[in-house]
Protein backbone atom coordinates (compact mmCIF):
# COMPACT_ATOMS: atom_id res chain seq x y z
CA MET A 1 -47.44 67.12 132.42
CA SER A 2 -44.64 68.30 129.94
CA ASP A 3 -42.37 68.60 132.95
CA LYS A 4 -42.95 65.55 134.72
CA VAL A 5 -39.37 62.94 134.58
CA LEU A 6 -39.68 58.85 134.68
CA PHE A 7 -36.61 56.49 135.68
CA ILE A 8 -37.51 53.11 134.14
CA THR A 9 -35.46 49.85 134.87
CA GLY A 10 -35.88 47.10 132.50
CA ALA A 11 -36.78 49.49 129.62
CA SER A 12 -35.24 47.58 127.12
CA SER A 13 -37.95 45.26 126.03
CA GLY A 14 -41.58 44.04 127.41
CA ILE A 15 -43.30 45.90 130.11
CA GLY A 16 -40.46 48.46 130.60
CA ALA A 17 -40.31 49.01 126.94
CA ALA A 18 -44.11 49.78 126.86
CA THR A 19 -44.13 51.58 129.54
CA ALA A 20 -41.81 54.20 128.23
CA LYS A 21 -43.60 54.51 124.95
CA ALA A 22 -47.41 54.81 126.99
CA ALA A 23 -45.72 57.68 129.68
CA ALA A 24 -43.92 59.42 126.94
CA ALA A 25 -47.38 59.22 124.86
CA SER A 26 -48.92 60.75 128.11
CA GLY A 27 -46.11 63.77 128.68
CA TRP A 28 -43.45 62.29 130.42
CA LYS A 29 -39.68 62.62 129.92
CA VAL A 30 -38.56 59.13 130.36
CA GLY A 31 -35.32 57.49 131.33
CA LEU A 32 -34.48 54.23 129.82
CA MET A 33 -31.96 51.88 131.89
CA ALA A 34 -31.32 47.91 130.93
CA ARG A 35 -28.00 46.26 129.62
CA SER A 36 -28.55 45.94 126.27
CA ALA A 37 -27.43 49.70 124.85
CA ASP A 38 -28.51 48.86 121.24
CA LYS A 39 -32.38 48.12 122.25
CA LEU A 40 -32.39 51.64 124.32
CA GLU A 41 -30.91 53.38 121.78
CA ALA A 42 -33.48 52.10 119.39
CA LEU A 43 -36.17 52.73 121.96
CA ALA A 44 -35.33 56.09 122.96
CA ALA A 45 -35.16 56.98 119.16
CA GLU A 46 -38.40 55.49 118.37
CA ILE A 47 -39.74 57.83 121.28
CA GLY A 48 -37.99 61.12 120.62
CA GLU A 49 -36.33 64.14 122.14
CA ASN A 50 -38.18 63.34 125.56
CA ALA A 51 -36.65 59.75 126.01
CA LEU A 52 -32.89 59.27 127.26
CA ALA A 53 -30.68 56.12 126.34
CA LEU A 54 -29.05 54.76 130.01
CA PRO A 55 -27.46 52.03 129.77
CA GLY A 56 -26.08 50.03 132.54
CA ASP A 57 -26.18 46.76 134.99
CA VAL A 58 -29.21 47.38 137.05
CA THR A 59 -27.55 45.41 140.22
CA ASP A 60 -24.76 48.18 140.50
CA LEU A 61 -26.25 50.80 142.79
CA ALA A 62 -23.10 53.23 141.95
CA ALA A 63 -24.63 53.07 137.85
CA GLN A 64 -28.62 53.41 138.63
CA LYS A 65 -27.35 56.39 140.57
CA GLU A 66 -25.33 57.47 137.77
CA ALA A 67 -28.07 57.15 135.46
CA ILE A 68 -30.32 58.78 137.35
CA ALA A 69 -27.73 61.61 137.92
CA ARG A 70 -28.13 61.76 134.22
CA LEU A 71 -31.25 61.64 133.53
CA VAL A 72 -32.28 64.56 136.59
CA GLU A 73 -29.35 67.07 134.55
CA THR A 74 -30.88 66.53 131.46
CA PHE A 75 -34.62 66.94 132.27
CA GLY A 76 -34.20 68.72 135.40
CA GLY A 77 -35.39 66.39 138.00
CA LEU A 78 -37.23 63.13 138.75
CA ASP A 79 -40.54 62.51 139.61
CA ALA A 80 -40.97 59.16 139.51
CA ALA A 81 -39.26 55.84 139.75
CA TYR A 82 -40.25 52.47 138.24
CA ALA A 83 -38.25 48.92 139.72
CA ASN A 84 -39.27 46.92 136.65
CA ALA A 85 -36.37 44.90 135.72
CA GLY A 86 -36.84 41.55 136.53
CA ARG A 87 -35.93 37.46 135.65
CA GLY A 88 -37.07 33.93 136.73
CA THR A 89 -34.74 30.62 136.81
CA ASN A 90 -35.00 27.85 134.31
CA SER A 91 -35.23 25.27 137.54
CA SER A 92 -38.20 24.98 139.49
CA GLY A 93 -38.46 23.70 143.31
CA VAL A 94 -35.88 24.09 146.13
CA GLU A 95 -34.20 20.78 146.37
CA ALA A 96 -33.78 21.11 142.46
CA GLY A 97 -33.39 24.32 141.87
CA ASP A 98 -30.23 25.99 141.05
CA PRO A 99 -28.25 27.88 143.74
CA GLU A 100 -26.31 30.09 141.40
CA ALA A 101 -29.19 31.21 139.41
CA TRP A 102 -31.12 31.73 142.59
CA HIS A 103 -28.19 34.46 143.63
CA ASP A 104 -28.61 36.05 140.05
CA MET A 105 -32.40 36.14 139.78
CA ILE A 106 -32.19 37.96 143.59
CA HIS A 107 -30.02 40.25 142.40
CA VAL A 108 -32.18 41.31 140.04
CA ASN A 109 -35.53 41.33 141.40
CA VAL A 110 -34.68 42.03 144.92
CA LEU A 111 -31.61 44.26 145.22
CA ALA A 112 -31.96 46.18 141.70
CA ALA A 113 -35.28 46.82 143.12
CA LEU A 114 -33.82 47.75 146.67
CA HIS A 115 -31.09 50.19 144.81
CA THR A 116 -33.37 51.98 142.30
CA ALA A 117 -35.81 52.86 145.87
CA HIS A 118 -32.34 54.25 147.49
CA ALA A 119 -30.82 56.06 144.43
CA ALA A 120 -34.44 57.77 143.48
CA LEU A 121 -35.38 58.84 147.37
CA PRO A 122 -33.32 61.98 147.59
CA HIS A 123 -34.81 63.09 144.35
CA LEU A 124 -38.18 62.08 144.61
CA ARG A 125 -38.45 63.82 147.82
CA GLU A 126 -37.72 67.12 146.20
CA ARG A 127 -40.95 66.89 144.43
CA LYS A 128 -43.07 64.92 146.58
CA GLY A 129 -42.73 62.46 143.97
CA HIS A 130 -44.02 58.16 142.84
CA MET A 131 -42.26 55.04 143.50
CA VAL A 132 -43.64 52.06 141.32
CA PHE A 133 -42.64 48.71 141.56
CA THR A 134 -43.49 45.46 139.23
CA GLY A 135 -44.70 42.87 141.24
CA SER A 136 -46.64 39.54 140.50
CA ALA A 137 -49.73 37.50 141.01
CA ALA A 138 -46.80 34.74 142.01
CA GLY A 139 -46.41 37.33 145.02
CA ARG A 140 -49.91 36.93 145.99
CA THR A 141 -50.31 33.28 146.25
CA HIS A 142 -48.08 30.12 147.58
CA ILE A 143 -46.85 28.47 144.11
CA LYS A 144 -45.11 25.19 144.97
CA GLY A 145 -41.45 25.51 145.19
CA SER A 146 -41.39 28.93 143.32
CA VAL A 147 -38.32 31.20 144.37
CA TYR A 148 -39.11 33.63 141.85
CA GLY A 149 -42.33 34.17 143.85
CA ALA A 150 -40.88 34.57 146.91
CA THR A 151 -38.69 37.31 145.24
CA LYS A 152 -42.22 38.82 144.36
CA PHE A 153 -43.67 38.26 147.91
CA PHE A 154 -40.52 40.84 148.39
CA ILE A 155 -41.08 43.22 146.45
CA HIS A 156 -45.04 43.20 147.65
CA GLY A 157 -43.68 43.95 151.41
CA LEU A 158 -40.94 46.57 149.91
CA ALA A 159 -44.04 48.66 148.29
CA GLY A 160 -46.55 48.52 151.20
CA ASN A 161 -43.60 49.52 153.73
CA LEU A 162 -42.19 51.75 151.51
CA ALA A 163 -45.84 53.51 150.52
CA GLU A 164 -45.73 54.23 154.78
CA GLU A 165 -42.09 55.70 154.53
CA MET A 166 -42.56 58.18 151.61
CA ARG A 167 -46.73 59.13 152.82
CA GLU A 168 -44.80 61.28 155.33
CA TRP A 169 -43.60 63.67 153.17
CA GLY A 170 -46.05 63.61 150.59
CA GLY A 171 -44.59 60.77 148.13
CA ARG A 172 -46.92 58.10 146.28
CA CYS A 173 -45.79 54.11 146.14
CA THR A 174 -47.64 51.96 143.78
CA LEU A 175 -47.54 48.20 143.39
CA ILE A 176 -48.65 46.90 139.33
CA ALA A 177 -49.15 43.13 140.16
CA PRO A 178 -49.74 41.45 136.75
CA GLY A 179 -50.62 37.57 136.53
CA MET A 180 -48.56 35.81 133.41
CA VAL A 181 -47.68 38.33 130.62
CA ASP A 182 -46.83 37.80 127.02
CA THR A 183 -43.33 39.02 126.91
CA PRO A 184 -40.00 37.78 125.96
CA PHE A 185 -39.56 36.62 130.13
CA PHE A 186 -41.44 33.46 128.56
CA ASP A 187 -39.70 31.03 126.02
CA GLU A 188 -43.09 30.79 123.91
CA ALA A 189 -45.27 33.23 123.04
CA LYS A 190 -48.99 33.22 125.44
CA PRO A 191 -50.80 35.66 123.04
CA ASP A 192 -54.37 35.06 124.93
CA LYS A 193 -52.70 36.22 128.30
CA LEU A 194 -52.11 39.93 129.07
CA HIS A 195 -49.98 41.84 126.89
CA ALA A 196 -47.43 44.51 128.13
CA ASP A 197 -49.25 47.23 127.32
CA ASP A 198 -51.96 46.34 129.76
CA VAL A 199 -49.34 46.30 132.41
CA ALA A 200 -48.16 49.71 131.01
CA ASP A 201 -51.12 51.35 131.00
CA ALA A 202 -51.68 50.32 134.73
CA VAL A 203 -48.52 52.33 135.59
CA VAL A 204 -49.46 55.44 133.69
CA HIS A 205 -52.84 55.36 135.36
CA ALA A 206 -51.19 55.50 138.77
CA LEU A 207 -48.76 57.41 137.84
CA ASN A 208 -51.18 60.43 136.42
CA ALA A 209 -53.70 60.01 139.50
CA ASP A 210 -54.51 62.94 141.26
CA PRO A 211 -52.08 63.68 143.92
CA ARG A 212 -54.53 63.51 146.56
CA ASN A 213 -54.96 59.77 145.48
CA THR A 214 -52.40 57.00 146.16
CA VAL A 215 -52.99 54.32 143.92
CA ARG A 216 -51.49 51.58 146.61
CA GLU A 217 -52.14 48.79 144.01
CA ILE A 218 -53.30 47.27 140.82
CA PHE A 219 -53.64 43.67 140.17
CA LEU A 220 -54.65 42.41 137.01
CA MET A 221 -54.98 39.37 135.72
CA PRO A 222 -55.76 37.51 132.13
CA THR A 223 -59.05 37.40 131.30
CA ASN A 224 -58.54 33.37 130.24
């Protein structure tokens, strides 16, 4: 596994940071992208020589292409990309919602994920690589007025459609769909819910599956 390289968005905290640590512990080299340069540098220093901090805005396609190019130049290729960056809004519902907040959320949850895939796929094709997305339990059911949930419905559809596209050249695509996770995404701690490490374990399980096995989806829910 020493030559495997993984690109992660939303890597500065929560699920992204936990996945970076878990993947590195499993032998992967990791490229870490998020806007918070200080947090990325600290995480890369914690992981060591197999991590590269790639600060940038995931909603900027050119920035993602540049980050992946730096990662490939540093470690020699790209075997997997994890479109994990995401955000919610403080307002709920459609009638009472904030259209400006929707704009920002959709650019992160939808367009940035598309940018990750678009930027990564030419490199992944070279190694019959793996694309991973963070979906959500909110993308598997209807929640009253949830625009956030609607963005995750998009991700679920994208992951399934991309899996069919990638299989034509031997690539794999996985959707990770967790229920509520105790991360900085929420203002209050939720220690009885899933932890970021639980989601990271699911990502690494999919990445390390035998190449004959495409783990299409992992759906995690808190026990309580």
